[in-house]
Amino acid sequence: MRRLSIAVLFAAVVFVAGCGGGGGSAGGGASTQTSSLATKPPGVVVAAASKAAESASSVHMSGAGNQAGKPISLDLTFVRGKGATGSISLNGAKFDLILIGDTAYIRAGPTFWKKYAGPTGVAQLLNNKWLKFSANNAQLGPLTKLANQQSFFALLKTHGKLENKGDTTFKGQSVVAINDTTQGGTLYVASSGTPYPVGIAQGGSSSGTITFDNWNQPVTLTAPKGALDFSQLTG
């Protein structure tokens, strides 16, 4: 079963692109007052955070880490029911991604295309150009799987044994820390207001941190002009 950890989320990035240690530090001391979430069972807190995240109209997610010795970073904004926009970097190969409904657009430089497109001619053709394709496309479609807000936060629901570590701070924000004691990793949930996820941290060999912010901010998804049609390139 998948665990609540940064490793799972970063591994998902690697997986869709075809390619334990303990929880990270919260970056601050515990709050002087006990929040209501700090006294709730950890599974209840995680379920509430997952529900809040899946129901939000939008959210920005950014982070960096290491999976199987390979550096991974991502910077994505989800728009619920509409799509996503941002960028992902896999082992130094970065690509920009826009998902609008079932239509996706990707743009990448030569480093990415040489690694994942094969022939040099293809890499030169696609170099820094937007490529349009269906999110259901067998070859490129998996790149869009991580850009689904509900699917991404559904990962929070699959976890090992949880422990509520109580109130603390994460990057200056008051949160409740939930540890996955089975495989490591810590989920930080806003301790007041709507229980949105604030961050996830993982130590050990698969280390990294993902932060979540700008919940419910207005976001416009715009299709890039002049995108090459992948279906026409492949026949």
C-alpha atoms as a PDB file:
ATOM      1  CA  MET A   1       0.000   0.000   0.000  1.00  0.00           C
ATOM      2  CA  ARG A   2       1.253   3.488  -0.785  1.00  0.00           C
ATOM      3  CA  ARG A   3       2.362   5.579   2.171  1.00  0.00           C
ATOM      4  CA  LEU A   4       1.861   9.172   3.188  1.00  0.00           C
ATOM      5  CA  SER A   5       5.295  10.468   2.222  1.00  0.00           C
ATOM      6  CA  ILE A   6       7.155  12.789  -0.045  1.00  0.00           C
ATOM      7  CA  ALA A   7       8.678   9.713  -1.634  1.00  0.00           C
ATOM      8  CA  VAL A   8       5.286   8.593  -2.933  1.00  0.00           C
ATOM      9  CA  LEU A   9       4.525  11.962  -4.503  1.00  0.00           C
ATOM     10  CA  PHE A  10       7.914  12.332  -6.130  1.00  0.00           C
ATOM     11  CA  ALA A  11       7.837   8.708  -7.218  1.00  0.00           C
ATOM     12  CA  ALA A  12       4.531   9.477  -8.914  1.00  0.00           C
ATOM     13  CA  VAL A  13       6.285  12.188 -10.926  1.00  0.00           C
ATOM     14  CA  VAL A  14       8.955   9.755 -12.035  1.00  0.00           C
ATOM     15  CA  PHE A  15       6.423   7.046 -12.826  1.00  0.00           C
ATOM     16  CA  VAL A  16       4.156   9.138 -15.022  1.00  0.00           C
ATOM     17  CA  ALA A  17       7.157  10.460 -16.950  1.00  0.00           C
ATOM     18  CA  GLY A  18       8.253   6.919 -17.721  1.00  0.00           C
ATOM     19  CA  CYS A  19      11.229   6.983 -15.922  1.00  0.00           C
ATOM     20  CA  GLY A  20      12.570   5.536   4.719  1.00  0.00           C
ATOM     21  CA  GLY A  21      13.717   7.967   6.603  1.00  0.00           C
ATOM     22  CA  GLY A  22      12.032  10.051   9.312  1.00  0.00           C
ATOM     23  CA  GLY A  23       9.850  13.123   8.801  1.00  0.00           C
ATOM     24  CA  GLY A  24      11.423  16.473   7.980  1.00  0.00           C
ATOM     25  CA  SER A  25      11.736  19.345  10.407  1.00  0.00           C
ATOM     26  CA  ALA A  26       8.808  21.695  10.700  1.00  0.00           C
ATOM     27  CA  GLY A  27      11.142  24.650  10.826  1.00  0.00           C
ATOM     28  CA  GLY A  28       9.845  26.042  14.109  1.00  0.00           C
ATOM     29  CA  GLY A  29       8.734  25.346  17.669  1.00  0.00           C
ATOM     30  CA  ALA A  30       5.361  24.211  18.898  1.00  0.00           C
ATOM     31  CA  SER A  31       2.525  26.663  19.397  1.00  0.00           C
ATOM     32  CA  THR A  32       1.823  27.874  22.939  1.00  0.00           C
ATOM     33  CA  GLN A  33      -1.883  27.065  22.534  1.00  0.00           C
ATOM     34  CA  THR A  34      -3.355  23.710  21.640  1.00  0.00           C
ATOM     35  CA  SER A  35      -5.482  23.706  18.499  1.00  0.00           C
ATOM     36  CA  SER A  36      -8.530  21.479  18.077  1.00  0.00           C
ATOM     37  CA  LEU A  37      -6.801  19.444  15.347  1.00  0.00           C
ATOM     38  CA  ALA A  38      -3.916  18.651  17.683  1.00  0.00           C
ATOM     39  CA  THR A  39      -6.233  16.525  19.817  1.00  0.00           C
ATOM     40  CA  LYS A  40      -7.964  14.649  17.004  1.00  0.00           C
ATOM     41  CA  PRO A  41      -7.017  11.160  15.759  1.00  0.00           C
ATOM     42  CA  PRO A  42      -4.407  11.471  12.984  1.00  0.00           C
ATOM     43  CA  GLY A  43      -6.571   9.655  10.449  1.00  0.00           C
ATOM     44  CA  VAL A  44      -9.343  12.201  10.987  1.00  0.00           C
ATOM     45  CA  VAL A  45      -6.912  15.068  10.363  1.00  0.00           C
ATOM     46  CA  VAL A  46      -5.552  13.492   7.166  1.00  0.00           C
ATOM     47  CA  ALA A  47      -9.065  12.789   5.871  1.00  0.00           C
ATOM     48  CA  ALA A  48     -10.104  16.376   6.550  1.00  0.00           C
ATOM     49  CA  ALA A  49      -7.006  17.731   4.813  1.00  0.00           C
ATOM     50  CA  SER A  50      -7.557  15.522   1.785  1.00  0.00           C
ATOM     51  CA  LYS A  51     -11.209  16.554   1.526  1.00  0.00           C
ATOM     52  CA  ALA A  52     -10.354  20.255   1.826  1.00  0.00           C
ATOM     53  CA  ALA A  53      -7.650  19.987  -0.834  1.00  0.00           C
ATOM     54  CA  GLU A  54      -9.832  18.109  -3.301  1.00  0.00           C
ATOM     55  CA  SER A  55     -12.646  20.639  -2.847  1.00  0.00           C
ATOM     56  CA  ALA A  56     -10.545  23.804  -3.325  1.00  0.00           C
ATOM     57  CA  SER A  57     -11.026  25.768  -6.539  1.00  0.00           C
ATOM     58  CA  SER A  58      -7.265  26.095  -7.010  1.00  0.00           C
ATOM     59  CA  VAL A  59      -3.934  25.570  -5.274  1.00  0.00           C
ATOM     60  CA  HIS A  60      -0.260  26.160  -5.988  1.00  0.00           C
ATOM     61  CA  MET A  61       2.200  23.373  -5.247  1.00  0.00           C
ATOM     62  CA  SER A  62       5.982  23.577  -5.348  1.00  0.00           C
ATOM     63  CA  GLY A  63       8.805  21.439  -4.084  1.00  0.00           C
ATOM     64  CA  ALA A  64      12.080  19.692  -4.657  1.00  0.00           C
ATOM     65  CA  GLY A  65      13.532  16.417  -3.580  1.00  0.00           C
ATOM     66  CA  ASN A  66      15.454  13.305  -4.421  1.00  0.00           C
ATOM     67  CA  GLN A  67      14.079   9.972  -5.570  1.00  0.00           C
ATOM     68  CA  ALA A  68      16.340   6.996  -6.269  1.00  0.00           C
ATOM     69  CA  GLY A  69      19.308   9.338  -6.439  1.00  0.00           C
ATOM     70  CA  LYS A  70      17.665  11.609  -9.005  1.00  0.00           C
ATOM     71  CA  PRO A  71      16.746  15.243  -8.286  1.00  0.00           C
ATOM     72  CA  ILE A  72      13.110  16.146  -8.902  1.00  0.00           C
ATOM     73  CA  SER A  73      11.355  19.494  -8.644  1.00  0.00           C
ATOM     74  CA  LEU A  74       7.873  20.674  -9.482  1.00  0.00           C
ATOM     75  CA  ASP A  75       5.921  23.916  -9.586  1.00  0.00           C
ATOM     76  CA  LEU A  76       2.261  23.379 -10.488  1.00  0.00           C
ATOM     77  CA  THR A  77      -1.006  25.230 -10.055  1.00  0.00           C
ATOM     78  CA  PHE A  78      -4.156  23.103 -10.062  1.00  0.00           C
ATOM     79  CA  VAL A  79      -7.529  24.478 -11.149  1.00  0.00           C
ATOM     80  CA  ARG A  80     -10.261  22.111  -9.997  1.00  0.00           C
ATOM     81  CA  GLY A  81     -12.294  20.628 -12.820  1.00  0.00           C
ATOM     82  CA  LYS A  82     -10.377  22.595 -15.470  1.00  0.00           C
ATOM     83  CA  GLY A  83      -6.720  21.588 -15.490  1.00  0.00           C
ATOM     84  CA  ALA A  84      -3.320  22.791 -14.377  1.00  0.00           C
ATOM     85  CA  THR A  85      -0.279  24.796 -15.395  1.00  0.00           C
ATOM     86  CA  GLY A  86       3.359  24.801 -14.327  1.00  0.00           C
ATOM     87  CA  SER A  87       6.588  22.907 -14.749  1.00  0.00           C
ATOM     88  CA  ILE A  88       8.302  19.695 -13.661  1.00  0.00           C
ATOM     89  CA  SER A  89      12.001  18.849 -13.707  1.00  0.00           C
ATOM     90  CA  LEU A  90      13.213  15.245 -13.759  1.00  0.00           C
ATOM     91  CA  ASN A  91      16.909  14.688 -13.195  1.00  0.00           C
ATOM     92  CA  GLY A  92      17.739  18.051 -14.734  1.00  0.00           C
ATOM     93  CA  ALA A  93      15.322  17.709 -17.655  1.00  0.00           C
ATOM     94  CA  LYS A  94      12.588  20.332 -17.287  1.00  0.00           C
ATOM     95  CA  PHE A  95       9.273  20.617 -19.122  1.00  0.00           C
ATOM     96  CA  ASP A  96       6.432  23.128 -18.963  1.00  0.00           C
ATOM     97  CA  LEU A  97       2.906  21.745 -18.867  1.00  0.00           C
ATOM     98  CA  ILE A  98      -0.557  23.189 -19.468  1.00  0.00           C
ATOM     99  CA  LEU A  99      -3.629  20.987 -19.109  1.00  0.00           C
ATOM    100  CA  ILE A 100      -7.025  22.316 -20.172  1.00  0.00           C
ATOM    101  CA  GLY A 101      -9.738  19.704 -19.942  1.00  0.00           C
ATOM    102  CA  ASP A 102      -8.566  16.698 -21.945  1.00  0.00           C
ATOM    103  CA  THR A 103      -6.094  18.705 -24.025  1.00  0.00           C
ATOM    104  CA  ALA A 104      -2.493  19.040 -22.879  1.00  0.00           C
ATOM    105  CA  TYR A 105       0.443  21.152 -23.999  1.00  0.00           C
ATOM    106  CA  ILE A 106       4.085  20.506 -23.226  1.00  0.00           C
ATOM    107  CA  ARG A 107       7.218  22.552 -23.933  1.00  0.00           C
ATOM    108  CA  ALA A 108      10.748  21.442 -23.234  1.00  0.00           C
ATOM    109  CA  GLY A 109      14.333  22.095 -24.204  1.00  0.00           C
ATOM    110  CA  PRO A 110      16.840  19.748 -25.830  1.00  0.00           C
ATOM    111  CA  THR A 111      17.879  18.101 -22.544  1.00  0.00           C
ATOM    112  CA  PHE A 112      14.375  16.751 -21.967  1.00  0.00           C
ATOM    113  CA  TRP A 113      13.710  15.666 -25.547  1.00  0.00           C
ATOM    114  CA  LYS A 114      17.079  13.942 -25.939  1.00  0.00           C
ATOM    115  CA  LYS A 115      16.304  11.885 -22.841  1.00  0.00           C
ATOM    116  CA  TYR A 116      12.690  11.055 -23.588  1.00  0.00           C
ATOM    117  CA  ALA A 117      12.050  11.524 -27.319  1.00  0.00           C
ATOM    118  CA  GLY A 118      14.782   9.330 -28.733  1.00  0.00           C
ATOM    119  CA  PRO A 119      16.101  10.395 -32.164  1.00  0.00           C
ATOM    120  CA  THR A 120      18.093  13.628 -32.350  1.00  0.00           C
ATOM    121  CA  GLY A 121      15.926  14.901 -35.194  1.00  0.00           C
ATOM    122  CA  VAL A 122      12.834  14.727 -33.014  1.00  0.00           C
ATOM    123  CA  ALA A 123      14.594  16.600 -30.234  1.00  0.00           C
ATOM    124  CA  GLN A 124      15.562  19.378 -32.645  1.00  0.00           C
ATOM    125  CA  LEU A 125      12.033  19.592 -34.080  1.00  0.00           C
ATOM    126  CA  LEU A 126      10.389  19.917 -30.672  1.00  0.00           C
ATOM    127  CA  ASN A 127      13.071  22.039 -28.994  1.00  0.00           C
ATOM    128  CA  ASN A 128      11.330  24.800 -26.969  1.00  0.00           C
ATOM    129  CA  LYS A 129       8.126  24.463 -29.010  1.00  0.00           C
ATOM    130  CA  TRP A 130       4.697  23.801 -27.544  1.00  0.00           C
ATOM    131  CA  LEU A 131       3.351  20.367 -28.406  1.00  0.00           C
ATOM    132  CA  LYS A 132      -0.395  19.721 -28.248  1.00  0.00           C
ATOM    133  CA  PHE A 133      -1.752  16.266 -27.460  1.00  0.00           C
ATOM    134  CA  SER A 134      -4.672  14.452 -25.886  1.00  0.00           C
ATOM    135  CA  ALA A 135      -4.418  13.731 -22.178  1.00  0.00           C
ATOM    136  CA  ASN A 136      -5.562  10.219 -23.120  1.00  0.00           C
ATOM    137  CA  ASN A 137      -2.662   9.705 -25.527  1.00  0.00           C
ATOM    138  CA  ALA A 138      -0.828   6.478 -24.718  1.00  0.00           C
ATOM    139  CA  GLN A 139       2.651   7.960 -25.241  1.00  0.00           C
ATOM    140  CA  LEU A 140       2.421  11.434 -23.721  1.00  0.00           C
ATOM    141  CA  GLY A 141      -0.793  11.216 -21.712  1.00  0.00           C
ATOM    142  CA  PRO A 142       0.913   9.844 -18.573  1.00  0.00           C
ATOM    143  CA  LEU A 143       2.742  13.178 -18.243  1.00  0.00           C
ATOM    144  CA  THR A 144      -0.587  14.794 -17.352  1.00  0.00           C
ATOM    145  CA  LYS A 145      -1.638  12.378 -14.602  1.00  0.00           C
ATOM    146  CA  LEU A 146       0.074  14.353 -11.867  1.00  0.00           C
ATOM    147  CA  ALA A 147      -1.741  17.507 -12.996  1.00  0.00           C
ATOM    148  CA  ASN A 148      -5.083  16.263 -11.672  1.00  0.00           C
ATOM    149  CA  GLN A 149      -5.907  17.899  -8.348  1.00  0.00           C
ATOM    150  CA  GLN A 150      -8.233  15.216  -7.017  1.00  0.00           C
ATOM    151  CA  SER A 151      -5.970  12.350  -8.080  1.00  0.00           C
ATOM    152  CA  PHE A 152      -2.937  14.009  -6.520  1.00  0.00           C
ATOM    153  CA  PHE A 153      -4.498  14.659  -3.132  1.00  0.00           C
ATOM    154  CA  ALA A 154      -6.153  11.249  -3.121  1.00  0.00           C
ATOM    155  CA  LEU A 155      -2.628   9.968  -2.384  1.00  0.00           C
ATOM    156  CA  LEU A 156      -3.011  11.392   1.120  1.00  0.00           C
ATOM    157  CA  LYS A 157      -5.686   8.825   1.855  1.00  0.00           C
ATOM    158  CA  THR A 158      -3.323   5.880   1.394  1.00  0.00           C
ATOM    159  CA  HIS A 159      -0.868   5.681   4.247  1.00  0.00           C
ATOM    160  CA  GLY A 160       0.712   3.569   6.944  1.00  0.00           C
ATOM    161  CA  LYS A 161       0.369   3.978  10.689  1.00  0.00           C
ATOM    162  CA  LEU A 162      -0.164   7.628  11.610  1.00  0.00           C
ATOM    163  CA  GLU A 163       0.758   9.671  14.664  1.00  0.00           C
ATOM    164  CA  ASN A 164      -0.520  13.143  15.545  1.00  0.00           C
ATOM    165  CA  LYS A 165       2.529  15.078  16.786  1.00  0.00           C
ATOM    166  CA  GLY A 166       0.459  18.124  17.697  1.00  0.00           C
ATOM    167  CA  ASP A 167       0.973  21.809  17.085  1.00  0.00           C
ATOM    168  CA  THR A 168       4.103  23.246  15.498  1.00  0.00           C
ATOM    169  CA  THR A 169       5.005  25.666  12.706  1.00  0.00           C
ATOM    170  CA  PHE A 170       5.938  25.042   9.089  1.00  0.00           C
ATOM    171  CA  LYS A 171       7.623  27.920   7.270  1.00  0.00           C
ATOM    172  CA  GLY A 172       6.124  30.357   9.738  1.00  0.00           C
ATOM    173  CA  GLN A 173       2.561  29.011   9.602  1.00  0.00           C
ATOM    174  CA  SER A 174       0.785  27.360  12.541  1.00  0.00           C
ATOM    175  CA  VAL A 175       0.142  23.723  11.684  1.00  0.00           C
ATOM    176  CA  VAL A 176      -0.495  20.280  13.089  1.00  0.00           C
ATOM    177  CA  ALA A 177       2.108  17.658  12.187  1.00  0.00           C
ATOM    178  CA  ILE A 178       0.995  14.151  11.209  1.00  0.00           C
ATOM    179  CA  ASN A 179       3.761  11.555  10.955  1.00  0.00           C
ATOM    180  CA  ASP A 180       3.619   8.335   8.973  1.00  0.00           C
ATOM    181  CA  THR A 181       5.522   6.099  11.379  1.00  0.00           C
ATOM    182  CA  THR A 182       5.530   3.172   8.954  1.00  0.00           C
ATOM    183  CA  GLN A 183       7.704   4.657   6.229  1.00  0.00           C
ATOM    184  CA  GLY A 184       8.472   8.168   7.399  1.00  0.00           C
ATOM    185  CA  GLY A 185       7.248  11.511   6.170  1.00  0.00           C
ATOM    186  CA  THR A 186       5.253  14.284   7.785  1.00  0.00           C
ATOM    187  CA  LEU A 187       2.116  16.043   6.606  1.00  0.00           C
ATOM    188  CA  TYR A 188       1.582  19.580   7.921  1.00  0.00           C
ATOM    189  CA  VAL A 189      -2.037  20.743   8.098  1.00  0.00           C
ATOM    190  CA  ALA A 190      -3.255  24.276   8.831  1.00  0.00           C
ATOM    191  CA  SER A 191      -4.271  24.270  12.498  1.00  0.00           C
ATOM    192  CA  SER A 192      -6.898  27.008  12.171  1.00  0.00           C
ATOM    193  CA  GLY A 193      -9.548  27.730   9.577  1.00  0.00           C
ATOM    194  CA  THR A 194      -9.978  25.231   6.750  1.00  0.00           C
ATOM    195  CA  PRO A 195      -7.593  22.288   7.317  1.00  0.00           C
ATOM    196  CA  TYR A 196      -5.660  22.665   4.072  1.00  0.00           C
ATOM    197  CA  PRO A 197      -2.382  20.792   3.629  1.00  0.00           C
ATOM    198  CA  VAL A 198       0.486  23.247   4.091  1.00  0.00           C
ATOM    199  CA  GLY A 199       3.399  20.957   3.322  1.00  0.00           C
ATOM    200  CA  ILE A 200       4.809  17.459   3.216  1.00  0.00           C
ATOM    201  CA  ALA A 201       8.391  16.657   4.201  1.00  0.00           C
ATOM    202  CA  GLN A 202      10.460  13.513   3.963  1.00  0.00           C
ATOM    203  CA  GLY A 203      13.936  12.704   5.250  1.00  0.00           C
ATOM    204  CA  GLY A 204      16.298   9.866   4.489  1.00  0.00           C
ATOM    205  CA  SER A 205      17.312   8.652   1.035  1.00  0.00           C
ATOM    206  CA  SER A 206      14.131   9.960  -0.618  1.00  0.00           C
ATOM    207  CA  SER A 207      14.270  13.415   0.903  1.00  0.00           C
ATOM    208  CA  GLY A 208      12.401  16.542  -0.074  1.00  0.00           C
ATOM    209  CA  THR A 209       9.658  18.999   0.715  1.00  0.00           C
ATOM    210  CA  ILE A 210       6.448  20.009  -1.051  1.00  0.00           C
ATOM    211  CA  THR A 211       4.548  23.143  -0.036  1.00  0.00           C
ATOM    212  CA  PHE A 212       0.970  24.153  -0.822  1.00  0.00           C
ATOM    213  CA  ASP A 213      -0.297  27.735  -0.936  1.00  0.00           C
ATOM    214  CA  ASN A 214      -2.511  30.248  -2.776  1.00  0.00           C
ATOM    215  CA  TRP A 215      -5.625  28.201  -2.090  1.00  0.00           C
ATOM    216  CA  ASN A 216      -8.725  29.310  -4.047  1.00  0.00           C
ATOM    217  CA  GLN A 217      -6.919  32.096  -5.907  1.00  0.00           C
ATOM    218  CA  PRO A 218      -8.224  33.007  -9.402  1.00  0.00           C
ATOM    219  CA  VAL A 219      -6.212  31.258 -12.133  1.00  0.00           C
ATOM    220  CA  THR A 220      -6.630  31.514 -15.908  1.00  0.00           C
ATOM    221  CA  LEU A 221      -5.559  28.614 -18.102  1.00  0.00           C
ATOM    222  CA  THR A 222      -4.630  29.741 -21.618  1.00  0.00           C
ATOM    223  CA  ALA A 223      -3.771  27.485 -24.538  1.00  0.00           C
ATOM    224  CA  PRO A 224      -0.432  28.484 -26.116  1.00  0.00           C
ATOM    225  CA  LYS A 225      -0.595  29.750 -29.699  1.00  0.00           C
ATOM    226  CA  GLY A 226       1.087  27.898 -32.534  1.00  0.00           C
ATOM    227  CA  ALA A 227       1.395  24.571 -30.739  1.00  0.00           C
ATOM    228  CA  LEU A 228       2.424  21.616 -32.884  1.00  0.00           C
ATOM    229  CA  ASP A 229      -0.210  18.869 -33.043  1.00  0.00           C
ATOM    230  CA  PHE A 230       1.269  15.585 -31.869  1.00  0.00           C
ATOM    231  CA  SER A 231      -1.336  13.539 -33.757  1.00  0.00           C
ATOM    232  CA  GLN A 232      -0.284  15.144 -37.041  1.00  0.00           C
ATOM    233  CA  LEU A 233       3.403  14.566 -36.346  1.00  0.00           C
ATOM    234  CA  THR A 234       2.876  10.868 -35.696  1.00  0.00           C
ATOM    235  CA  GLY A 235       0.211  10.277 -38.322  1.00  0.00           C
END
